[in-house]
Amino acid sequence: MFTRLGTVRLLNKLNFFNQARWLSARAQSFDKKKLSFYRQFIRPGDLCFDIGANIGQKIELFLRLGAKVVAVEPQIKCFNFLKYMYRNNSNVILVNKALDMVAGHQKDIFVCEANALSSLSPDFVQQAQRTEWQGYRWDERQQIMTTTLDALIAEFGLPAYCKIDVEGYEFNVIRGLHRLIPTISFESTPVTRNSTIKVIDHLSGIHSNIQINWVADPTFSNGIIMMRNSLWTEDLETVKNHFIKDDEFYGDIFVRMKGNKPSL
């Protein structure tokens, strides 16, 4: 299929900031704790959406759980890498578009020189340059066609789980969804607190009974892989107030339909 040396050479050719990231992600996909955590949401044969796939860090994990993956990645370097790595894998469908509230528009994406990071949000880029990405340049621009979550569902089916990591553009992505996916996770950071509140409001408008939980440090670098709360909560106002006040949270918010119990 591919060799470690061949993968490193390709990563070097694509000029990624950290050429070991994909190899590290692949190794971590064997991590029993991570597999156990995501098994709550993904069963063998399930369809998963990976929105903002980057170089496939989560694709490897989802495949290990027996899922079929629709991976959406707008940045051309990352997409070409994914196309090469999964060229013979029928369980991975790659989409070189950006998700937005409306399909069929061309948008500019801002590309950071570090970690193959990109965003469609000019506001996010400006704020990021004052925080954790201070000192990095976002000079590169690429044009990409947009699609929506509704359009993906119409083409590929309803996923059991959808992961969204789009660097400050989460609310625009969610606005392109008008039916609730059983479980959705999206990134939340100090820079995107206002977007987090808007996402929760939009999802609660789609389905009146949703439950929320969250994980700090989604890379699990501290060795802890668990939800913040032992019980999922339906008290959305308390959740929103929590994130309004917490200006240091970095992690993933998980939203599920009430009654969609994970299979622990």
Protein backbone atom coordinates (compact mmCIF):
# COMPACT_ATOMS: atom_id res chain seq x y z
CA MET A 1 0.00 0.00 0.00
CA PHE A 2 2.56 2.58 1.13
CA THR A 3 5.80 2.67 3.09
CA ARG A 4 6.89 4.85 5.97
CA LEU A 5 9.78 6.20 3.88
CA GLY A 6 7.50 6.94 0.92
CA THR A 7 5.07 8.79 3.17
CA VAL A 8 7.83 10.92 4.71
CA ARG A 9 9.14 11.77 1.24
CA LEU A 10 5.67 12.83 0.13
CA LEU A 11 5.17 14.96 3.23
CA ASN A 12 8.53 16.61 2.58
CA LYS A 13 7.53 17.26 -1.03
CA LEU A 14 4.31 18.90 0.15
CA ASN A 15 6.35 21.11 2.52
CA PHE A 16 4.30 20.50 5.67
CA PHE A 17 5.44 22.20 8.86
CA ASN A 18 5.48 18.93 10.79
CA GLN A 19 6.14 16.01 8.49
CA ALA A 20 5.59 13.43 11.23
CA ARG A 21 1.96 14.35 11.94
CA TRP A 22 0.32 11.83 9.67
CA LEU A 23 2.60 9.01 10.79
CA SER A 24 1.88 9.94 14.40
CA ALA A 25 -1.88 9.99 13.73
CA ARG A 26 -1.72 6.58 12.08
CA ALA A 27 0.18 5.16 15.05
CA GLN A 28 -2.32 6.71 17.46
CA SER A 29 -5.23 5.11 15.56
CA PHE A 30 -4.15 1.89 17.25
CA ASP A 31 -4.54 3.51 20.70
CA LYS A 32 -7.08 1.42 22.61
CA LYS A 33 -8.27 4.39 24.70
CA LYS A 34 -9.01 6.47 21.62
CA LEU A 35 -10.75 3.60 19.90
CA SER A 36 -12.85 2.97 23.00
CA PHE A 37 -13.81 6.64 23.22
CA TYR A 38 -14.97 6.99 19.62
CA ARG A 39 -16.67 3.59 19.69
CA GLN A 40 -19.41 5.38 21.66
CA PHE A 41 -20.44 7.05 18.42
CA ILE A 42 -19.21 4.80 15.61
CA ARG A 43 -20.11 1.18 14.91
CA PRO A 44 -18.70 -1.06 12.16
CA GLY A 45 -20.35 -0.17 8.86
CA ASP A 46 -21.35 3.35 9.95
CA LEU A 47 -20.90 6.35 7.72
CA CYS A 48 -18.82 9.22 9.14
CA PHE A 49 -18.20 12.73 7.85
CA ASP A 50 -14.77 14.27 8.48
CA ILE A 51 -15.19 17.97 7.77
CA GLY A 52 -11.78 19.63 7.67
CA ALA A 53 -9.89 16.38 7.20
CA ASN A 54 -6.47 18.06 6.91
CA ILE A 55 -4.07 15.15 6.29
CA GLY A 56 -6.33 12.42 7.66
CA GLN A 57 -5.64 12.34 11.38
CA LYS A 58 -9.22 11.27 12.15
CA ILE A 59 -9.74 9.24 8.97
CA GLU A 60 -7.32 6.63 10.23
CA LEU A 61 -9.16 6.33 13.54
CA PHE A 62 -12.60 6.06 11.91
CA LEU A 63 -11.37 3.39 9.51
CA ARG A 64 -9.96 1.42 12.42
CA LEU A 65 -13.48 1.37 13.87
CA GLY A 66 -14.88 -0.10 10.66
CA ALA A 67 -16.51 3.06 9.33
CA LYS A 68 -16.85 4.42 5.81
CA VAL A 69 -15.57 7.99 5.69
CA VAL A 70 -16.53 10.99 3.59
CA ALA A 71 -13.61 13.38 4.08
CA VAL A 72 -13.93 17.03 3.04
CA GLU A 73 -10.74 19.04 2.68
CA PRO A 74 -10.49 22.36 0.79
CA GLN A 75 -6.74 22.92 0.93
CA ILE A 76 -5.17 21.53 -2.22
CA LYS A 77 -1.91 20.30 -0.64
CA CYS A 78 -3.77 18.35 2.01
CA PHE A 79 -6.30 17.04 -0.49
CA ASN A 80 -3.59 15.78 -2.86
CA PHE A 81 -1.91 14.03 0.04
CA LEU A 82 -5.19 12.34 1.03
CA LYS A 83 -5.86 11.37 -2.58
CA TYR A 84 -2.48 9.67 -2.73
CA MET A 85 -2.75 7.92 0.64
CA TYR A 86 -6.28 6.57 0.12
CA ARG A 87 -6.19 6.00 -3.63
CA ASN A 88 -6.90 2.29 -3.19
CA ASN A 89 -9.30 2.49 -0.24
CA SER A 90 -12.95 2.16 -1.23
CA ASN A 91 -14.03 3.10 2.30
CA VAL A 92 -12.75 6.67 1.92
CA ILE A 93 -14.54 9.22 -0.29
CA LEU A 94 -12.64 12.49 -0.75
CA VAL A 95 -14.30 15.82 -1.49
CA ASN A 96 -12.16 18.83 -2.45
CA LYS A 97 -14.61 21.54 -1.42
CA ALA A 98 -15.30 23.84 1.51
CA LEU A 99 -18.47 23.59 3.58
CA ASP A 100 -20.58 26.70 3.94
CA MET A 101 -24.21 27.74 4.43
CA VAL A 102 -24.79 27.78 0.64
CA ALA A 103 -23.44 25.47 -2.08
CA GLY A 104 -22.01 26.45 -5.43
CA HIS A 105 -20.08 29.59 -4.50
CA GLN A 106 -16.37 30.22 -4.87
CA LYS A 107 -14.63 31.32 -1.69
CA ASP A 108 -11.10 32.27 -0.69
CA ILE A 109 -9.41 30.18 1.96
CA PHE A 110 -6.58 31.65 4.03
CA VAL A 111 -3.64 29.27 4.39
CA CYS A 112 -1.23 29.46 7.31
CA GLU A 113 2.43 28.61 6.85
CA ALA A 114 2.25 26.31 9.89
CA ASN A 115 0.79 22.80 10.08
CA ALA A 116 -1.11 23.03 6.78
CA LEU A 117 -3.72 25.07 8.67
CA SER A 118 -6.40 26.98 6.77
CA SER A 119 -9.63 28.89 7.38
CA LEU A 120 -12.42 30.57 5.43
CA SER A 121 -12.92 33.09 8.23
CA PRO A 122 -11.00 36.41 7.95
CA ASP A 123 -12.07 37.23 11.53
CA PHE A 124 -10.57 33.98 12.80
CA VAL A 125 -7.30 34.68 11.00
CA GLN A 126 -7.06 38.16 12.51
CA GLN A 127 -7.78 36.90 16.03
CA ALA A 128 -5.52 33.87 15.67
CA GLN A 129 -2.60 36.10 14.77
CA ARG A 130 -3.02 37.78 18.15
CA THR A 131 -3.20 34.51 20.07
CA GLU A 132 -1.84 30.99 19.59
CA TRP A 133 -0.79 31.54 15.95
CA GLN A 134 0.99 34.82 16.61
CA GLY A 135 4.01 35.20 14.38
CA TYR A 136 2.77 32.88 11.63
CA ARG A 137 1.89 34.25 8.22
CA TRP A 138 -1.45 33.62 6.47
CA ASP A 139 -0.46 35.15 3.15
CA GLU A 140 -1.43 32.32 0.82
CA ARG A 141 -4.91 32.34 -0.72
CA GLN A 142 -6.66 29.53 -2.55
CA GLN A 143 -10.05 29.54 -4.23
CA ILE A 144 -12.46 26.69 -3.55
CA MET A 145 -16.04 25.79 -4.41
CA THR A 146 -18.52 25.45 -1.54
CA THR A 147 -21.00 22.75 -0.67
CA THR A 148 -23.19 22.13 2.39
CA LEU A 149 -23.84 19.41 4.93
CA ASP A 150 -27.34 19.04 3.45
CA ALA A 151 -25.81 18.43 0.01
CA LEU A 152 -23.37 15.86 1.38
CA ILE A 153 -26.21 14.01 3.09
CA ALA A 154 -28.26 14.05 -0.12
CA GLU A 155 -25.33 12.55 -2.04
CA PHE A 156 -23.81 10.12 0.44
CA GLY A 157 -26.44 9.50 3.12
CA LEU A 158 -26.92 10.45 6.77
CA PRO A 159 -23.78 9.84 8.82
CA ALA A 160 -23.84 8.37 12.30
CA TYR A 161 -21.16 10.83 13.34
CA CYS A 162 -19.83 14.08 11.91
CA LYS A 163 -16.60 15.74 13.05
CA ILE A 164 -16.17 19.43 12.19
CA ASP A 165 -12.81 21.20 12.50
CA VAL A 166 -12.78 24.27 10.26
CA GLU A 167 -10.85 26.92 12.21
CA GLY A 168 -13.51 29.47 13.11
CA TYR A 169 -16.00 28.66 10.34
CA GLU A 170 -18.09 26.19 12.36
CA PHE A 171 -21.26 28.27 12.45
CA ASN A 172 -21.31 28.77 8.68
CA VAL A 173 -20.88 25.03 8.20
CA ILE A 174 -23.71 24.23 10.62
CA ARG A 175 -26.01 26.76 8.90
CA GLY A 176 -25.88 24.48 5.87
CA LEU A 177 -27.56 21.71 7.90
CA HIS A 178 -31.33 21.42 8.35
CA ARG A 179 -31.65 17.94 9.83
CA LEU A 180 -29.83 16.70 12.86
CA ILE A 181 -27.07 14.14 12.51
CA PRO A 182 -27.17 11.60 15.40
CA THR A 183 -23.85 12.83 16.83
CA ILE A 184 -21.87 15.92 15.84
CA SER A 185 -18.64 17.23 17.28
CA PHE A 186 -17.09 20.60 16.54
CA GLU A 187 -13.99 22.39 17.74
CA SER A 188 -14.26 25.25 20.23
CA THR A 189 -11.44 27.58 21.24
CA PRO A 190 -11.14 30.93 23.02
CA VAL A 191 -11.16 32.57 19.58
CA THR A 192 -14.44 30.86 18.56
CA ARG A 193 -16.53 31.20 21.75
CA ASN A 194 -19.25 33.28 20.07
CA SER A 195 -19.44 30.80 17.21
CA THR A 196 -19.87 27.97 19.71
CA ILE A 197 -22.99 29.60 21.15
CA LYS A 198 -24.45 30.15 17.67
CA VAL A 199 -23.82 26.53 16.69
CA ILE A 200 -25.66 25.27 19.79
CA ASP A 201 -28.59 27.60 19.06
CA HIS A 202 -28.83 26.44 15.44
CA LEU A 203 -28.74 22.75 16.34
CA SER A 204 -31.38 23.22 19.05
CA GLY A 205 -33.56 24.84 16.38
CA ILE A 206 -33.26 21.74 14.19
CA HIS A 207 -34.13 19.31 16.99
CA SER A 208 -35.83 20.32 20.22
CA ASN A 209 -34.21 17.59 22.31
CA ILE A 210 -30.44 17.65 22.06
CA GLN A 211 -27.83 16.75 24.63
CA ILE A 212 -24.35 18.19 24.99
CA ASN A 213 -21.03 17.15 26.44
CA TRP A 214 -17.45 18.17 25.77
CA VAL A 215 -13.84 17.08 25.86
CA ALA A 216 -10.98 19.38 26.74
CA ASP A 217 -7.66 18.76 25.01
CA PRO A 218 -9.08 16.81 22.04
CA THR A 219 -5.63 15.49 21.15
CA PHE A 220 -5.72 13.63 24.50
CA SER A 221 -2.09 14.58 25.07
CA ASN A 222 -2.63 14.42 28.83
CA GLY A 223 -3.66 10.78 28.58
CA ILE A 224 -7.22 11.48 29.73
CA ILE A 225 -9.91 10.45 27.27
CA MET A 226 -13.28 11.24 28.76
CA MET A 227 -16.22 13.59 28.58
CA ARG A 228 -16.22 16.60 30.87
CA ASN A 229 -19.50 15.49 32.45
CA SER A 230 -20.50 11.96 33.40
CA LEU A 231 -24.05 12.73 32.26
CA TRP A 232 -24.99 14.48 29.03
CA THR A 233 -26.93 17.66 29.68
CA GLU A 234 -30.06 19.12 28.08
CA ASP A 235 -29.69 22.43 29.95
CA LEU A 236 -28.49 24.44 26.97
CA GLU A 237 -28.55 27.82 28.72
CA THR A 238 -26.18 26.57 31.41
CA VAL A 239 -23.89 25.14 28.73
CA LYS A 240 -23.86 28.40 26.78
CA ASN A 241 -23.17 30.44 29.91
CA HIS A 242 -20.31 28.12 30.72
CA PHE A 243 -18.62 28.73 27.38
CA ILE A 244 -19.30 32.46 27.48
CA LYS A 245 -17.35 32.66 30.74
CA ASP A 246 -14.64 30.11 29.97
CA ASP A 247 -12.06 32.05 27.96
CA GLU A 248 -9.44 29.31 28.13
CA PHE A 249 -11.35 26.26 26.86
CA TYR A 250 -9.86 24.40 23.95
CA GLY A 251 -11.56 21.20 22.92
CA ASP A 252 -14.44 19.50 21.14
CA ILE A 253 -18.15 19.96 21.81
CA PHE A 254 -20.29 16.87 21.25
CA VAL A 255 -23.99 17.21 20.40
CA ARG A 256 -26.40 14.29 20.06
CA MET A 257 -30.12 13.76 19.72
CA LYS A 258 -31.83 12.80 22.95
CA GLY A 259 -32.25 9.06 23.05
CA ASN A 260 -29.23 8.46 20.83
CA LYS A 261 -27.37 6.64 23.60
CA PRO A 262 -23.74 5.70 22.99
CA SER A 263 -22.90 2.01 23.05
CA LEU A 264 -20.40 1.90 25.86
